[in-house]
Structure formats: structure tokens, C-alpha cells
Amino acid sequence: MVLGARDTTAGTGAVEIARLGGLWRVTRPWHPGLRPHLRSYVGYWEAVPTPYEARLVPTGCATLLISLAEPFTQLRRLGMRDGGSGSIGSLVVGLEDRPAICTHPGGQEAIRVEFTPLGAYRLFGMPMSELTNLAVEIRDVLGPGAGELVERMAATRDWAARFDLLDAVLLDRLGLGPEPTPEVDQAWQLLSGSAGAIPIARIAAEVGWSQGYLIRRFTQQIGLTPKASARVLRFRRAVTLLGRGTASLAEISTACGFYDQAHLNREFRAIAGTTPGRMVAARRIEGAVALTRSANSSKTASAAAR
């Protein structure tokens, strides 16, 4: 396949395949029924199978990863006792406020979908607080039929057919899933729309709840407390501004609501396990920041840079 190659068999639009560094990436227009709940939806495989170790940093989204080839050797959440997963293939990751280290033997081929927190709440049909900072086997969240889905997707090399299979399952689950509480939806929109800048007391007043009740209901359906969510959202905004390369660390600190540059650095270490400078300089792979020389230095990703 060549750069920009197209497969026009997709039901919702043309599948586009492009090589970006060490990865082939596969995309197509999102299904209208899924679009409000998505933040990213991409298939990919390695151009040259290469073992790697990478750091996963919080995104403010929940992730579904369908592994179509080799599983991860391990996902290990930093700062948590017994945070290692062991070998794990297709998985669900809830919202996070701390980094994780993933290792892979090479030969990865997968579809990675990022959902809004409330989209994930509807899709997974369970309290998102039960998935916070966890990577869980797909069967444990979506049920035994998820294993059959993964097998069917892996058995076809047609990416349009793979997307069609996954779309159908996601749409069915969304149609049956719980409706988010309107007040939680409003609170999340206020918090995410301000990139974590609105005080929690003001959000509680806006939705008409006490702070304590807001924290309980918000945490159940989003997965993080309002305060932890605000930290992650400020971090994500800082990552975006850093990636543009047009502002100093002092300017970014002020723009994102940090007390000063030292506060910014502390938050990066707590949330990403690294410094702002090291994160900008790091190589990227799909959804993560590469850590070791075993990672292919030409791989790129958008998720870690957003």
C-alpha cells in the first residue's frame, strides 16, 4: 500500500491508509451515530515490527483498543500497588490521572478508539469509577461476545469490514446503555469547555447541586472527581500549547491556570511522569510517548500530542 491509498468499500465513506513514520494508519469518516461520543478512531499496524516500551499519559478520554495481532507484554500503572496487567490483548482503559508504562514485543496491529467520558459511560454500561486508572480485558467489560468480535475482525484483512463490525457493536451498545444524568453532562461540559479552569463550587451552583452530591455523581459517571478531571484537562491544554511551540513555559503556566512554572512542572511529573521539555522532545507512537531505544524512532502518534 502507498501513501494516501484508498479503499472505497467502506459503508460510511472511503477508508484512507497512509504511512506516518513507522506506522500505517487507517481512518474513515466516523459513523454519525457514534460521532458525538468519539474523540479518536484509528486503525494502525507497524511497517516494521519493532519491540518498544512507551509511556501512556492521561487524555481525558476512555479508550477501547482492539488488538488484531500481538498482545502487550504488560501495562503497568505508575504509583499504584499491583498496577501491572501481565500479558493483555484487546482492552478497555478508563479515565486516568497518572501515567502507565506499556511494553510490546512488536508486530502490533490494532484499532484504537477514544470516547468522551459520558460516551464511555453509555457504551460500557457500568460506573466509570470502576475503571479509573485501570486497563481491563475487553471481555470483562463488554462480555463474552467481545472475544468473538475480536476474532472476526482479526480474521479479515479488509479494514472497511473491520470498521463495519466494530461500528455495529458500538451502536448497539450505545442504544442500550444508561443515559448520563443531565446535571453531570452539564458539569462536564462546563469543566471541559474551560479546560479545567472553572471552580468546582461554581459548577455545583450552575447545575443546582451541592458540591458533595456533584462529586459523588460526577465521579460515578465520569470516572475521576471534578478536581482530578480539572487537573487532567489543564495538563492536556498545556500539552497542546507546548506542541505548538509558540509560548514559553511561563506563558503556558499562566494560560492554563497553574500558579507558576514550578507548579506546571510538578503537575507534569505527577500526571505524565516526565517534564514538559522531555515530553515535547520525546518520540511518539500511537497513543503514547516512546521511552526506550527499542521503540522505532520514526513512529508518530496524534493522541499523545493533543
C-alpha atoms as a PDB file:
ATOM      1  CA  MET A   1       0.000   0.000   0.000  1.00  0.00           C
ATOM      2  CA  VAL A   2       1.203   3.535  -0.741  1.00  0.00           C
ATOM      3  CA  LEU A   3       0.826   6.884   0.944  1.00  0.00           C
ATOM      4  CA  GLY A   4      -2.745   8.085   0.679  1.00  0.00           C
ATOM      5  CA  ALA A   5      -4.079   4.790  -0.666  1.00  0.00           C
ATOM      6  CA  ARG A   6      -7.869   4.425  -0.548  1.00  0.00           C
ATOM      7  CA  ASP A   7     -10.262   1.532  -0.075  1.00  0.00           C
ATOM      8  CA  THR A   8     -13.678   2.713  -1.245  1.00  0.00           C
ATOM      9  CA  THR A   9     -15.687  -0.227   0.102  1.00  0.00           C
ATOM     10  CA  ALA A  10     -16.479   1.437   3.440  1.00  0.00           C
ATOM     11  CA  GLY A  11     -20.144   1.922   4.240  1.00  0.00           C
ATOM     12  CA  THR A  12     -19.743   5.397   5.797  1.00  0.00           C
ATOM     13  CA  GLY A  13     -17.059   6.734   3.471  1.00  0.00           C
ATOM     14  CA  ALA A  14     -13.717   5.881   1.959  1.00  0.00           C
ATOM     15  CA  VAL A  15     -11.093   4.187   4.067  1.00  0.00           C
ATOM     16  CA  GLU A  16      -7.809   6.112   3.897  1.00  0.00           C
ATOM     17  CA  ILE A  17      -4.472   4.438   4.519  1.00  0.00           C
ATOM     18  CA  ALA A  18      -1.327   6.495   4.998  1.00  0.00           C
ATOM     19  CA  ARG A  19       2.148   5.784   6.259  1.00  0.00           C
ATOM     20  CA  LEU A  20       3.280   8.062   9.062  1.00  0.00           C
ATOM     21  CA  GLY A  21       6.817   7.234  10.120  1.00  0.00           C
ATOM     22  CA  GLY A  22       6.929   3.640  11.293  1.00  0.00           C
ATOM     23  CA  LEU A  23       3.150   3.108  11.251  1.00  0.00           C
ATOM     24  CA  TRP A  24       0.488   2.570   8.647  1.00  0.00           C
ATOM     25  CA  ARG A  25      -2.629   4.411   9.877  1.00  0.00           C
ATOM     26  CA  VAL A  26      -6.162   3.650   8.693  1.00  0.00           C
ATOM     27  CA  THR A  27      -9.092   6.034   9.051  1.00  0.00           C
ATOM     28  CA  ARG A  28     -12.500   6.732   7.585  1.00  0.00           C
ATOM     29  CA  PRO A  29     -15.318   9.187   8.417  1.00  0.00           C
ATOM     30  CA  TRP A  30     -16.959   8.392  11.735  1.00  0.00           C
ATOM     31  CA  HIS A  31     -20.478   6.984  11.744  1.00  0.00           C
ATOM     32  CA  PRO A  32     -22.952   9.826  12.543  1.00  0.00           C
ATOM     33  CA  GLY A  33     -24.421   7.794  15.407  1.00  0.00           C
ATOM     34  CA  LEU A  34     -21.006   7.470  17.038  1.00  0.00           C
ATOM     35  CA  ARG A  35     -19.582  10.897  16.276  1.00  0.00           C
ATOM     36  CA  PRO A  36     -20.891  12.747  19.388  1.00  0.00           C
ATOM     37  CA  HIS A  37     -19.231  10.166  21.636  1.00  0.00           C
ATOM     38  CA  LEU A  38     -15.835   9.907  19.923  1.00  0.00           C
ATOM     39  CA  ARG A  39     -12.550  11.755  20.214  1.00  0.00           C
ATOM     40  CA  SER A  40     -10.419   9.429  18.062  1.00  0.00           C
ATOM     41  CA  TYR A  41     -10.963   6.312  15.932  1.00  0.00           C
ATOM     42  CA  VAL A  42      -7.976   4.887  14.066  1.00  0.00           C
ATOM     43  CA  GLY A  43      -6.589   1.577  12.912  1.00  0.00           C
ATOM     44  CA  TYR A  44      -2.863   1.008  12.561  1.00  0.00           C
ATOM     45  CA  TRP A  45      -0.113  -1.528  12.101  1.00  0.00           C
ATOM     46  CA  GLU A  46       3.652  -1.420  12.238  1.00  0.00           C
ATOM     47  CA  ALA A  47       5.509  -1.052   8.954  1.00  0.00           C
ATOM     48  CA  VAL A  48       8.437  -2.913  10.523  1.00  0.00           C
ATOM     49  CA  PRO A  49       7.674  -4.955  13.674  1.00  0.00           C
ATOM     50  CA  THR A  50       9.764  -3.458  16.476  1.00  0.00           C
ATOM     51  CA  PRO A  51       9.705  -4.147  20.231  1.00  0.00           C
ATOM     52  CA  TYR A  52       9.007  -0.989  22.199  1.00  0.00           C
ATOM     53  CA  GLU A  53       8.323   0.475  25.610  1.00  0.00           C
ATOM     54  CA  ALA A  54       6.200   3.581  25.905  1.00  0.00           C
ATOM     55  CA  ARG A  55       4.572   5.869  28.436  1.00  0.00           C
ATOM     56  CA  LEU A  56       0.796   6.307  28.272  1.00  0.00           C
ATOM     57  CA  VAL A  57      -0.299   9.713  29.536  1.00  0.00           C
ATOM     58  CA  PRO A  58      -3.826  10.782  30.570  1.00  0.00           C
ATOM     59  CA  THR A  59      -6.011  12.086  27.741  1.00  0.00           C
ATOM     60  CA  GLY A  60      -9.291  12.948  29.453  1.00  0.00           C
ATOM     61  CA  CYS A  61     -10.895  10.141  27.418  1.00  0.00           C
ATOM     62  CA  ALA A  62     -11.674   6.455  27.874  1.00  0.00           C
ATOM     63  CA  THR A  63     -10.048   4.048  25.425  1.00  0.00           C
ATOM     64  CA  LEU A  64     -11.088   0.842  23.691  1.00  0.00           C
ATOM     65  CA  LEU A  65      -8.225  -1.000  21.998  1.00  0.00           C
ATOM     66  CA  ILE A  66      -8.953  -3.938  19.700  1.00  0.00           C
ATOM     67  CA  SER A  67      -5.757  -5.939  19.285  1.00  0.00           C
ATOM     68  CA  LEU A  68      -5.658  -7.805  15.964  1.00  0.00           C
ATOM     69  CA  ALA A  69      -2.191  -9.323  16.324  1.00  0.00           C
ATOM     70  CA  GLU A  70       0.394  -9.475  19.121  1.00  0.00           C
ATOM     71  CA  PRO A  71      -0.765  -8.532  22.656  1.00  0.00           C
ATOM     72  CA  PHE A  72       1.023  -6.157  25.001  1.00  0.00           C
ATOM     73  CA  THR A  73       3.593  -7.834  27.215  1.00  0.00           C
ATOM     74  CA  GLN A  74       2.413  -5.675  30.104  1.00  0.00           C
ATOM     75  CA  LEU A  75       0.672  -2.449  31.068  1.00  0.00           C
ATOM     76  CA  ARG A  76       1.916  -1.082  34.382  1.00  0.00           C
ATOM     77  CA  ARG A  77       0.256   1.870  36.098  1.00  0.00           C
ATOM     78  CA  LEU A  78       2.790   4.061  37.887  1.00  0.00           C
ATOM     79  CA  GLY A  79       2.108   4.950  41.517  1.00  0.00           C
ATOM     80  CA  MET A  80      -0.299   2.048  42.107  1.00  0.00           C
ATOM     81  CA  ARG A  81       0.385  -1.113  44.070  1.00  0.00           C
ATOM     82  CA  ASP A  82      -0.168  -4.236  41.948  1.00  0.00           C
ATOM     83  CA  GLY A  83      -0.664  -1.994  38.928  1.00  0.00           C
ATOM     84  CA  GLY A  84       0.705  -4.470  36.366  1.00  0.00           C
ATOM     85  CA  SER A  85      -1.610  -6.276  33.956  1.00  0.00           C
ATOM     86  CA  GLY A  86       0.591  -9.083  32.667  1.00  0.00           C
ATOM     87  CA  SER A  87       0.084 -10.023  29.009  1.00  0.00           C
ATOM     88  CA  ILE A  88      -3.049  -8.311  27.683  1.00  0.00           C
ATOM     89  CA  GLY A  89      -4.535  -8.016  24.206  1.00  0.00           C
ATOM     90  CA  SER A  90      -7.817  -6.206  23.495  1.00  0.00           C
ATOM     91  CA  LEU A  91      -8.644  -3.939  26.416  1.00  0.00           C
ATOM     92  CA  VAL A  92     -10.611  -1.080  27.911  1.00  0.00           C
ATOM     93  CA  VAL A  93      -8.927   1.795  29.752  1.00  0.00           C
ATOM     94  CA  GLY A  94     -10.907   4.154  31.955  1.00  0.00           C
ATOM     95  CA  LEU A  95     -10.069   7.778  32.662  1.00  0.00           C
ATOM     96  CA  GLU A  96      -6.611   8.285  34.152  1.00  0.00           C
ATOM     97  CA  ASP A  97      -4.822  10.860  36.251  1.00  0.00           C
ATOM     98  CA  ARG A  98      -1.418   9.162  36.296  1.00  0.00           C
ATOM     99  CA  PRO A  99       0.859   7.587  33.687  1.00  0.00           C
ATOM    100  CA  ALA A 100       1.346   3.959  32.733  1.00  0.00           C
ATOM    101  CA  ILE A 101       4.165   2.084  31.028  1.00  0.00           C
ATOM    102  CA  CYS A 102       3.320  -0.342  28.235  1.00  0.00           C
ATOM    103  CA  THR A 103       5.693  -2.839  26.646  1.00  0.00           C
ATOM    104  CA  HIS A 104       5.064  -4.626  23.377  1.00  0.00           C
ATOM    105  CA  PRO A 105       7.089  -7.339  21.597  1.00  0.00           C
ATOM    106  CA  GLY A 106       6.498  -5.799  18.160  1.00  0.00           C
ATOM    107  CA  GLY A 107       4.095  -6.674  15.375  1.00  0.00           C
ATOM    108  CA  GLN A 108       1.229  -4.627  16.762  1.00  0.00           C
ATOM    109  CA  GLU A 109      -1.937  -4.253  14.679  1.00  0.00           C
ATOM    110  CA  ALA A 110      -4.955  -2.656  16.317  1.00  0.00           C
ATOM    111  CA  ILE A 111      -7.907  -0.321  16.268  1.00  0.00           C
ATOM    112  CA  ARG A 112      -7.813   2.344  18.952  1.00  0.00           C
ATOM    113  CA  VAL A 113     -10.987   4.263  19.842  1.00  0.00           C
ATOM    114  CA  GLU A 114     -11.143   7.142  22.318  1.00  0.00           C
ATOM    115  CA  PHE A 115     -14.514   8.060  23.816  1.00  0.00           C
ATOM    116  CA  THR A 116     -15.760  11.040  25.740  1.00  0.00           C
ATOM    117  CA  PRO A 117     -16.243  10.059  29.390  1.00  0.00           C
ATOM    118  CA  LEU A 118     -20.035  10.076  29.129  1.00  0.00           C
ATOM    119  CA  GLY A 119     -19.933   8.297  25.782  1.00  0.00           C
ATOM    120  CA  ALA A 120     -17.910   5.580  27.504  1.00  0.00           C
ATOM    121  CA  TYR A 121     -20.401   5.512  30.389  1.00  0.00           C
ATOM    122  CA  ARG A 122     -23.183   4.726  27.906  1.00  0.00           C
ATOM    123  CA  LEU A 123     -21.084   2.278  25.908  1.00  0.00           C
ATOM    124  CA  PHE A 124     -19.651   0.263  28.787  1.00  0.00           C
ATOM    125  CA  GLY A 125     -22.889   0.323  30.793  1.00  0.00           C
ATOM    126  CA  MET A 126     -21.155   0.478  34.160  1.00  0.00           C
ATOM    127  CA  PRO A 127     -19.956   3.122  36.632  1.00  0.00           C
ATOM    128  CA  MET A 128     -16.850   4.676  35.116  1.00  0.00           C
ATOM    129  CA  SER A 129     -15.393   4.908  38.625  1.00  0.00           C
ATOM    130  CA  GLU A 130     -14.861   1.126  38.420  1.00  0.00           C
ATOM    131  CA  LEU A 131     -12.432   1.639  35.516  1.00  0.00           C
ATOM    132  CA  THR A 132     -10.420   4.597  36.822  1.00  0.00           C
ATOM    133  CA  ASN A 133      -6.685   4.147  36.171  1.00  0.00           C
ATOM    134  CA  LEU A 134      -7.291   0.549  35.057  1.00  0.00           C
ATOM    135  CA  ALA A 135      -6.637  -1.436  31.877  1.00  0.00           C
ATOM    136  CA  VAL A 136      -9.164  -4.281  31.746  1.00  0.00           C
ATOM    137  CA  GLU A 137      -9.591  -7.181  29.329  1.00  0.00           C
ATOM    138  CA  ILE A 138     -12.342  -6.380  26.831  1.00  0.00           C
ATOM    139  CA  ARG A 139     -14.403  -9.446  27.819  1.00  0.00           C
ATOM    140  CA  ASP A 140     -14.622  -8.210  31.409  1.00  0.00           C
ATOM    141  CA  VAL A 141     -16.361  -5.033  30.241  1.00  0.00           C
ATOM    142  CA  LEU A 142     -18.217  -5.873  27.033  1.00  0.00           C
ATOM    143  CA  GLY A 143     -18.978  -9.520  27.835  1.00  0.00           C
ATOM    144  CA  PRO A 144     -18.015 -12.849  26.249  1.00  0.00           C
ATOM    145  CA  GLY A 145     -19.265 -11.792  22.819  1.00  0.00           C
ATOM    146  CA  ALA A 146     -16.371  -9.326  22.663  1.00  0.00           C
ATOM    147  CA  GLY A 147     -13.945 -12.196  22.150  1.00  0.00           C
ATOM    148  CA  GLU A 148     -15.887 -13.374  19.111  1.00  0.00           C
ATOM    149  CA  LEU A 149     -15.919  -9.817  17.744  1.00  0.00           C
ATOM    150  CA  VAL A 150     -12.133  -9.554  18.027  1.00  0.00           C
ATOM    151  CA  GLU A 151     -11.683 -12.935  16.320  1.00  0.00           C
ATOM    152  CA  ARG A 152     -13.954 -11.935  13.422  1.00  0.00           C
ATOM    153  CA  MET A 153     -12.134  -8.620  12.978  1.00  0.00           C
ATOM    154  CA  ALA A 154      -8.735 -10.301  13.062  1.00  0.00           C
ATOM    155  CA  ALA A 155      -9.868 -12.912  10.508  1.00  0.00           C
ATOM    156  CA  THR A 156     -10.476 -10.306   7.787  1.00  0.00           C
ATOM    157  CA  ARG A 157      -7.790  -8.145   6.205  1.00  0.00           C
ATOM    158  CA  ASP A 158     -10.407  -5.699   4.882  1.00  0.00           C
ATOM    159  CA  TRP A 159     -10.267  -2.591   7.050  1.00  0.00           C
ATOM    160  CA  ALA A 160     -13.689  -1.362   5.909  1.00  0.00           C
ATOM    161  CA  ALA A 161     -15.201  -4.663   7.073  1.00  0.00           C
ATOM    162  CA  ARG A 162     -13.354  -4.345  10.374  1.00  0.00           C
ATOM    163  CA  PHE A 163     -14.721  -0.865  10.953  1.00  0.00           C
ATOM    164  CA  ASP A 164     -18.221  -2.026   9.964  1.00  0.00           C
ATOM    165  CA  LEU A 165     -18.132  -4.860  12.502  1.00  0.00           C
ATOM    166  CA  LEU A 166     -16.952  -2.592  15.299  1.00  0.00           C
ATOM    167  CA  ASP A 167     -19.385   0.208  14.408  1.00  0.00           C
ATOM    168  CA  ALA A 168     -22.342  -2.180  14.581  1.00  0.00           C
ATOM    169  CA  VAL A 169     -21.407  -3.406  18.054  1.00  0.00           C
ATOM    170  CA  LEU A 170     -20.733   0.094  19.385  1.00  0.00           C
ATOM    171  CA  LEU A 171     -24.025   1.439  18.014  1.00  0.00           C
ATOM    172  CA  ASP A 172     -25.984  -1.429  19.560  1.00  0.00           C
ATOM    173  CA  ARG A 173     -24.380  -0.907  22.960  1.00  0.00           C
ATOM    174  CA  LEU A 174     -24.891   2.862  22.871  1.00  0.00           C
ATOM    175  CA  GLY A 175     -28.570   2.313  22.126  1.00  0.00           C
ATOM    176  CA  LEU A 176     -28.947   0.116  25.207  1.00  0.00           C
ATOM    177  CA  GLY A 177     -26.627   1.977  27.572  1.00  0.00           C
ATOM    178  CA  PRO A 178     -27.594   4.221  30.515  1.00  0.00           C
ATOM    179  CA  GLU A 179     -28.358   7.865  29.870  1.00  0.00           C
ATOM    180  CA  PRO A 180     -25.959  10.241  31.639  1.00  0.00           C
ATOM    181  CA  THR A 181     -27.565  12.467  34.233  1.00  0.00           C
ATOM    182  CA  PRO A 182     -28.217  15.907  32.644  1.00  0.00           C
ATOM    183  CA  GLU A 183     -26.519  17.676  35.560  1.00  0.00           C
ATOM    184  CA  VAL A 184     -23.385  15.549  35.165  1.00  0.00           C
ATOM    185  CA  ASP A 185     -23.410  16.216  31.420  1.00  0.00           C
ATOM    186  CA  GLN A 186     -23.698  19.948  32.087  1.00  0.00           C
ATOM    187  CA  ALA A 187     -20.934  19.823  34.699  1.00  0.00           C
ATOM    188  CA  TRP A 188     -18.601  18.004  32.307  1.00  0.00           C
ATOM    189  CA  GLN A 189     -19.339  20.473  29.502  1.00  0.00           C
ATOM    190  CA  LEU A 190     -18.574  23.396  31.815  1.00  0.00           C
ATOM    191  CA  LEU A 191     -15.369  21.838  33.103  1.00  0.00           C
ATOM    192  CA  SER A 192     -14.037  20.563  29.774  1.00  0.00           C
ATOM    193  CA  GLY A 193     -15.109  23.713  27.938  1.00  0.00           C
ATOM    194  CA  SER A 194     -12.976  25.799  30.285  1.00  0.00           C
ATOM    195  CA  ALA A 195     -10.053  23.315  30.192  1.00  0.00           C
ATOM    196  CA  GLY A 196     -10.418  22.796  33.921  1.00  0.00           C
ATOM    197  CA  ALA A 197     -10.456  26.479  34.834  1.00  0.00           C
ATOM    198  CA  ILE A 198     -13.947  26.817  36.383  1.00  0.00           C
ATOM    199  CA  PRO A 199     -14.057  26.364  40.186  1.00  0.00           C
ATOM    200  CA  ILE A 200     -15.967  23.289  41.324  1.00  0.00           C
ATOM    201  CA  ALA A 201     -18.165  25.409  43.619  1.00  0.00           C
ATOM    202  CA  ARG A 202     -19.307  27.451  40.623  1.00  0.00           C
ATOM    203  CA  ILE A 203     -20.110  24.299  38.635  1.00  0.00           C
ATOM    204  CA  ALA A 204     -22.157  22.927  41.542  1.00  0.00           C
ATOM    205  CA  ALA A 205     -24.091  26.195  41.709  1.00  0.00           C
ATOM    206  CA  GLU A 206     -24.672  26.153  37.939  1.00  0.00           C
ATOM    207  CA  VAL A 207     -26.183  22.639  37.978  1.00  0.00           C
ATOM    208  CA  GLY A 208     -28.097  23.190  41.233  1.00  0.00           C
ATOM    209  CA  TRP A 209     -26.400  20.515  43.333  1.00  0.00           C
ATOM    210  CA  SER A 210     -24.333  20.617  46.500  1.00  0.00           C
ATOM    211  CA  GLN A 211     -20.610  20.104  45.974  1.00  0.00           C
ATOM    212  CA  GLY A 212     -20.685  16.769  47.782  1.00  0.00           C
ATOM    213  CA  TYR A 213     -23.536  15.410  45.676  1.00  0.00           C
ATOM    214  CA  LEU A 214     -21.906  16.697  42.479  1.00  0.00           C
ATOM    215  CA  ILE A 215     -18.633  14.974  43.363  1.00  0.00           C
ATOM    216  CA  ARG A 216     -20.373  11.637  44.000  1.00  0.00           C
ATOM    217  CA  ARG A 217     -22.481  11.593  40.837  1.00  0.00           C
ATOM    218  CA  PHE A 218     -19.761  13.101  38.641  1.00  0.00           C
ATOM    219  CA  THR A 219     -17.167  10.565  39.800  1.00  0.00           C
ATOM    220  CA  GLN A 220     -19.531   7.650  39.203  1.00  0.00           C
ATOM    221  CA  GLN A 221     -20.292   8.623  35.596  1.00  0.00           C
ATOM    222  CA  ILE A 222     -17.032  10.309  34.531  1.00  0.00           C
ATOM    223  CA  GLY A 223     -14.519   8.173  36.425  1.00  0.00           C
ATOM    224  CA  LEU A 224     -12.498  10.960  38.037  1.00  0.00           C
ATOM    225  CA  THR A 225     -13.559  13.510  40.627  1.00  0.00           C
ATOM    226  CA  PRO A 226     -14.214  17.027  39.321  1.00  0.00           C
ATOM    227  CA  LYS A 227     -10.921  18.176  40.880  1.00  0.00           C
ATOM    228  CA  ALA A 228      -8.890  15.355  39.289  1.00  0.00           C
ATOM    229  CA  SER A 229     -10.650  15.935  35.959  1.00  0.00           C
ATOM    230  CA  ALA A 230      -9.739  19.624  36.106  1.00  0.00           C
ATOM    231  CA  ARG A 231      -6.068  18.717  36.672  1.00  0.00           C
ATOM    232  CA  VAL A 232      -6.050  16.417  33.650  1.00  0.00           C
ATOM    233  CA  LEU A 233      -7.812  18.993  31.482  1.00  0.00           C
ATOM    234  CA  ARG A 234      -5.304  21.696  32.441  1.00  0.00           C
ATOM    235  CA  PHE A 235      -2.488  19.258  31.698  1.00  0.00           C
ATOM    236  CA  ARG A 236      -3.949  18.453  28.265  1.00  0.00           C
ATOM    237  CA  ARG A 237      -4.245  22.128  27.411  1.00  0.00           C
ATOM    238  CA  ALA A 238      -0.633  22.667  28.448  1.00  0.00           C
ATOM    239  CA  VAL A 239       0.440  19.734  26.233  1.00  0.00           C
ATOM    240  CA  THR A 240      -1.405  21.297  23.301  1.00  0.00           C
ATOM    241  CA  LEU A 241       0.240  24.689  23.824  1.00  0.00           C
ATOM    242  CA  LEU A 242       3.654  23.067  24.238  1.00  0.00           C
ATOM    243  CA  GLY A 243       3.177  21.236  20.957  1.00  0.00           C
ATOM    244  CA  ARG A 244       2.577  24.497  19.117  1.00  0.00           C
ATOM    245  CA  GLY A 245       5.961  25.786  20.241  1.00  0.00           C
ATOM    246  CA  THR A 246       4.842  29.421  20.266  1.00  0.00           C
ATOM    247  CA  ALA A 247       4.718  30.139  24.021  1.00  0.00           C
ATOM    248  CA  SER A 248       7.196  29.980  26.873  1.00  0.00           C
ATOM    249  CA  LEU A 249       6.654  27.729  29.881  1.00  0.00           C
ATOM    250  CA  ALA A 250       5.869  30.786  31.974  1.00  0.00           C
ATOM    251  CA  GLU A 251       3.219  31.893  29.469  1.00  0.00           C
ATOM    252  CA  ILE A 252       1.734  28.388  29.322  1.00  0.00           C
ATOM    253  CA  SER A 253       1.640  28.217  33.121  1.00  0.00           C
ATOM    254  CA  THR A 254      -0.387  31.427  33.263  1.00  0.00           C
ATOM    255  CA  ALA A 255      -2.676  30.472  30.370  1.00  0.00           C
ATOM    256  CA  CYS A 256      -3.523  27.079  31.884  1.00  0.00           C
ATOM    257  CA  GLY A 257      -4.157  28.282  35.423  1.00  0.00           C
ATOM    258  CA  PHE A 258      -1.015  26.992  37.140  1.00  0.00           C
ATOM    259  CA  TYR A 259       0.361  29.075  39.998  1.00  0.00           C
ATOM    260  CA  ASP A 260       3.771  29.313  38.349  1.00  0.00           C
ATOM    261  CA  GLN A 261       6.221  27.320  36.228  1.00  0.00           C
ATOM    262  CA  ALA A 262       7.231  25.179  39.213  1.00  0.00           C
ATOM    263  CA  HIS A 263       3.581  24.179  39.652  1.00  0.00           C
ATOM    264  CA  LEU A 264       3.410  23.258  35.960  1.00  0.00           C
ATOM    265  CA  ASN A 265       6.492  21.060  36.304  1.00  0.00           C
ATOM    266  CA  ARG A 266       5.100  19.313  39.401  1.00  0.00           C
ATOM    267  CA  GLU A 267       1.826  18.558  37.642  1.00  0.00           C
ATOM    268  CA  PHE A 268       3.625  17.112  34.607  1.00  0.00           C
ATOM    269  CA  ARG A 269       5.644  14.827  36.860  1.00  0.00           C
ATOM    270  CA  ALA A 270       2.518  13.702  38.738  1.00  0.00           C
ATOM    271  CA  ILE A 271       0.268  13.220  35.703  1.00  0.00           C
ATOM    272  CA  ALA A 272       2.739  12.211  32.976  1.00  0.00           C
ATOM    273  CA  GLY A 273       5.800  11.075  34.913  1.00  0.00           C
ATOM    274  CA  THR A 274       8.055  13.432  32.969  1.00  0.00           C
ATOM    275  CA  THR A 275       8.888  17.105  32.476  1.00  0.00           C
ATOM    276  CA  PRO A 276       7.346  19.406  29.859  1.00  0.00           C
ATOM    277  CA  GLY A 277      10.637  19.622  27.976  1.00  0.00           C
ATOM    278  CA  ARG A 278      11.177  15.878  27.868  1.00  0.00           C
ATOM    279  CA  MET A 279       7.635  15.268  26.740  1.00  0.00           C
ATOM    280  CA  VAL A 280       7.962  17.688  23.820  1.00  0.00           C
ATOM    281  CA  ALA A 281      11.277  16.124  22.784  1.00  0.00           C
ATOM    282  CA  ALA A 282      10.083  12.510  23.078  1.00  0.00           C
ATOM    283  CA  ARG A 283       9.371  10.316  20.098  1.00  0.00           C
ATOM    284  CA  ARG A 284       5.734   9.369  19.650  1.00  0.00           C
ATOM    285  CA  ILE A 285       3.979   6.115  18.898  1.00  0.00           C
ATOM    286  CA  GLU A 286       0.241   5.611  18.536  1.00  0.00           C
ATOM    287  CA  GLY A 287      -1.355   6.932  21.706  1.00  0.00           C
ATOM    288  CA  ALA A 288       1.863   7.107  23.710  1.00  0.00           C
ATOM    289  CA  VAL A 289       5.277   8.665  24.250  1.00  0.00           C
ATOM    290  CA  ALA A 290       8.229   6.393  23.438  1.00  0.00           C
ATOM    291  CA  LEU A 291      10.699   5.797  26.262  1.00  0.00           C
ATOM    292  CA  THR A 292      13.439   3.446  25.100  1.00  0.00           C
ATOM    293  CA  ARG A 293      15.732   2.950  22.155  1.00  0.00           C
ATOM    294  CA  SER A 294      13.835  -0.240  21.343  1.00  0.00           C
ATOM    295  CA  ALA A 295      10.977   1.961  20.126  1.00  0.00           C
ATOM    296  CA  ASN A 296      11.106   2.787  16.433  1.00  0.00           C
ATOM    297  CA  SER A 297      12.233   6.418  16.374  1.00  0.00           C
ATOM    298  CA  SER A 298      10.234   7.144  13.238  1.00  0.00           C
ATOM    299  CA  LYS A 299       6.853   6.220  14.722  1.00  0.00           C
ATOM    300  CA  THR A 300       4.381   9.015  15.277  1.00  0.00           C
ATOM    301  CA  ALA A 301       1.060   9.489  17.017  1.00  0.00           C
ATOM    302  CA  SER A 302      -1.524  12.194  17.410  1.00  0.00           C
ATOM    303  CA  ALA A 303      -3.167  11.114  20.648  1.00  0.00           C
ATOM    304  CA  ALA A 304      -0.212  11.862  22.904  1.00  0.00           C
ATOM    305  CA  ALA A 305       0.276  15.225  21.225  1.00  0.00           C
ATOM    306  CA  ARG A 306      -3.254  16.512  21.525  1.00  0.00           C
END
